[in-house]
Amino acid sequence: APELLLGCTEYTTAVDIWSAGCCIAEFLNGYPIFRGVDSSDQMYRIIQIVGIPNRDELREMNP
Protein backbone atom coordinates (compact mmCIF):
# COMPACT_ATOMS: atom_id res chain seq x y z
CA ALA A 1 0.00 0.00 0.00
CA PRO A 2 1.23 3.53 -0.68
CA GLU A 3 1.08 4.33 3.04
CA LEU A 4 3.65 1.67 3.77
CA LEU A 5 5.88 2.70 0.87
CA LEU A 6 5.84 6.27 2.22
CA GLY A 7 6.95 5.05 5.63
CA CYS A 8 3.77 5.80 7.55
CA THR A 9 3.89 4.24 11.00
CA GLU A 10 0.16 4.38 11.67
CA TYR A 11 -2.32 3.13 9.15
CA THR A 12 -5.84 1.74 8.85
CA THR A 13 -7.44 -1.35 7.38
CA ALA A 14 -7.34 0.51 4.05
CA VAL A 15 -3.93 -1.11 3.49
CA ASP A 16 -5.65 -4.49 3.58
CA ILE A 17 -8.25 -3.38 1.03
CA TRP A 18 -5.45 -2.04 -1.22
CA SER A 19 -3.57 -5.34 -0.89
CA ALA A 20 -6.67 -7.37 -1.70
CA GLY A 21 -7.25 -5.27 -4.83
CA CYS A 22 -3.64 -5.78 -5.92
CA CYS A 23 -3.98 -9.54 -5.37
CA ILE A 24 -7.17 -9.65 -7.43
CA ALA A 25 -5.50 -7.64 -10.23
CA GLU A 26 -2.54 -10.01 -10.22
CA PHE A 27 -4.85 -13.02 -10.31
CA LEU A 28 -6.77 -11.62 -13.28
CA ASN A 29 -3.75 -10.30 -15.21
CA GLY A 30 -1.23 -12.99 -14.35
CA TYR A 31 1.38 -10.47 -13.15
CA PRO A 32 1.72 -7.87 -10.39
CA ILE A 33 -0.05 -4.61 -11.23
CA PHE A 34 2.67 -2.41 -9.67
CA ARG A 35 5.87 -4.41 -10.21
CA GLY A 36 8.72 -2.16 -9.11
CA VAL A 37 12.40 -2.93 -8.72
CA ASP A 38 12.42 -1.13 -5.35
CA SER A 39 10.01 0.86 -3.18
CA SER A 40 10.66 4.15 -5.01
CA ASP A 41 10.01 2.55 -8.39
CA GLN A 42 6.90 0.86 -7.05
CA MET A 43 5.56 4.20 -5.74
CA TYR A 44 6.32 5.79 -9.12
CA ARG A 45 4.32 3.07 -10.88
CA ILE A 46 1.38 3.55 -8.49
CA ILE A 47 1.39 7.32 -9.13
CA GLN A 48 1.41 6.69 -12.89
CA ILE A 49 -1.88 4.79 -12.54
CA VAL A 50 -3.76 6.50 -9.69
CA GLY A 51 -2.18 9.96 -9.75
CA ILE A 52 -0.42 12.07 -7.15
CA PRO A 53 -2.23 12.09 -3.79
CA ASN A 54 -3.44 15.49 -2.59
CA ARG A 55 -2.82 16.79 0.94
CA ASP A 56 -6.07 15.37 2.32
CA GLU A 57 -5.28 11.94 0.93
CA LEU A 58 -1.77 12.08 2.39
CA ARG A 59 -3.22 12.99 5.81
CA GLU A 60 -5.65 10.06 5.58
CA MET A 61 -2.74 7.70 4.89
CA ASN A 62 -1.12 8.54 8.23
CA PRO A 63 -3.89 9.25 10.78
C-alpha atoms as a PDB file:
ATOM      1  CA  ALA A   1       0.000   0.000   0.000  1.00  0.00           C
ATOM      2  CA  PRO A   2       1.230   3.532  -0.684  1.00  0.00           C
ATOM      3  CA  GLU A   3       1.084   4.325   3.043  1.00  0.00           C
ATOM      4  CA  LEU A   4       3.650   1.665   3.767  1.00  0.00           C
ATOM      5  CA  LEU A   5       5.879   2.704   0.867  1.00  0.00           C
ATOM      6  CA  LEU A   6       5.836   6.271   2.216  1.00  0.00           C
ATOM      7  CA  GLY A   7       6.953   5.050   5.634  1.00  0.00           C
ATOM      8  CA  CYS A   8       3.768   5.795   7.546  1.00  0.00           C
ATOM      9  CA  THR A   9       3.894   4.243  10.996  1.00  0.00           C
ATOM     10  CA  GLU A  10       0.161   4.379  11.674  1.00  0.00           C
ATOM     11  CA  TYR A  11      -2.325   3.130   9.147  1.00  0.00           C
ATOM     12  CA  THR A  12      -5.842   1.735   8.851  1.00  0.00           C
ATOM     13  CA  THR A  13      -7.436  -1.347   7.378  1.00  0.00           C
ATOM     14  CA  ALA A  14      -7.342   0.510   4.047  1.00  0.00           C
ATOM     15  CA  VAL A  15      -3.925  -1.107   3.489  1.00  0.00           C
ATOM     16  CA  ASP A  16      -5.653  -4.492   3.583  1.00  0.00           C
ATOM     17  CA  ILE A  17      -8.247  -3.379   1.025  1.00  0.00           C
ATOM     18  CA  TRP A  18      -5.450  -2.041  -1.220  1.00  0.00           C
ATOM     19  CA  SER A  19      -3.574  -5.340  -0.890  1.00  0.00           C
ATOM     20  CA  ALA A  20      -6.675  -7.367  -1.698  1.00  0.00           C
ATOM     21  CA  GLY A  21      -7.248  -5.270  -4.826  1.00  0.00           C
ATOM     22  CA  CYS A  22      -3.645  -5.784  -5.916  1.00  0.00           C
ATOM     23  CA  CYS A  23      -3.976  -9.544  -5.368  1.00  0.00           C
ATOM     24  CA  ILE A  24      -7.165  -9.652  -7.434  1.00  0.00           C
ATOM     25  CA  ALA A  25      -5.504  -7.641 -10.228  1.00  0.00           C
ATOM     26  CA  GLU A  26      -2.537 -10.006 -10.225  1.00  0.00           C
ATOM     27  CA  PHE A  27      -4.848 -13.021 -10.305  1.00  0.00           C
ATOM     28  CA  LEU A  28      -6.769 -11.617 -13.278  1.00  0.00           C
ATOM     29  CA  ASN A  29      -3.748 -10.302 -15.214  1.00  0.00           C
ATOM     30  CA  GLY A  30      -1.231 -12.988 -14.354  1.00  0.00           C
ATOM     31  CA  TYR A  31       1.381 -10.473 -13.153  1.00  0.00           C
ATOM     32  CA  PRO A  32       1.716  -7.870 -10.392  1.00  0.00           C
ATOM     33  CA  ILE A  33      -0.048  -4.612 -11.228  1.00  0.00           C
ATOM     34  CA  PHE A  34       2.672  -2.411  -9.666  1.00  0.00           C
ATOM     35  CA  ARG A  35       5.866  -4.407 -10.205  1.00  0.00           C
ATOM     36  CA  GLY A  36       8.716  -2.161  -9.106  1.00  0.00           C
ATOM     37  CA  VAL A  37      12.399  -2.927  -8.722  1.00  0.00           C
ATOM     38  CA  ASP A  38      12.423  -1.133  -5.353  1.00  0.00           C
ATOM     39  CA  SER A  39      10.009   0.858  -3.177  1.00  0.00           C
ATOM     40  CA  SER A  40      10.665   4.150  -5.013  1.00  0.00           C
ATOM     41  CA  ASP A  41      10.008   2.551  -8.387  1.00  0.00           C
ATOM     42  CA  GLN A  42       6.898   0.864  -7.047  1.00  0.00           C
ATOM     43  CA  MET A  43       5.561   4.200  -5.741  1.00  0.00           C
ATOM     44  CA  TYR A  44       6.316   5.792  -9.122  1.00  0.00           C
ATOM     45  CA  ARG A  45       4.318   3.071 -10.875  1.00  0.00           C
ATOM     46  CA  ILE A  46       1.383   3.550  -8.490  1.00  0.00           C
ATOM     47  CA  ILE A  47       1.392   7.319  -9.129  1.00  0.00           C
ATOM     48  CA  GLN A  48       1.408   6.692 -12.894  1.00  0.00           C
ATOM     49  CA  ILE A  49      -1.877   4.794 -12.542  1.00  0.00           C
ATOM     50  CA  VAL A  50      -3.761   6.503  -9.685  1.00  0.00           C
ATOM     51  CA  GLY A  51      -2.181   9.963  -9.753  1.00  0.00           C
ATOM     52  CA  ILE A  52      -0.416  12.073  -7.150  1.00  0.00           C
ATOM     53  CA  PRO A  53      -2.225  12.094  -3.794  1.00  0.00           C
ATOM     54  CA  ASN A  54      -3.439  15.486  -2.589  1.00  0.00           C
ATOM     55  CA  ARG A  55      -2.823  16.793   0.939  1.00  0.00           C
ATOM     56  CA  ASP A  56      -6.067  15.372   2.320  1.00  0.00           C
ATOM     57  CA  GLU A  57      -5.276  11.935   0.930  1.00  0.00           C
ATOM     58  CA  LEU A  58      -1.768  12.084   2.395  1.00  0.00           C
ATOM     59  CA  ARG A  59      -3.221  12.988   5.809  1.00  0.00           C
ATOM     60  CA  GLU A  60      -5.651  10.061   5.579  1.00  0.00           C
ATOM     61  CA  MET A  61      -2.743   7.700   4.890  1.00  0.00           C
ATOM     62  CA  ASN A  62      -1.124   8.536   8.228  1.00  0.00           C
ATOM     63  CA  PRO A  63      -3.893   9.246  10.782  1.00  0.00           C
END
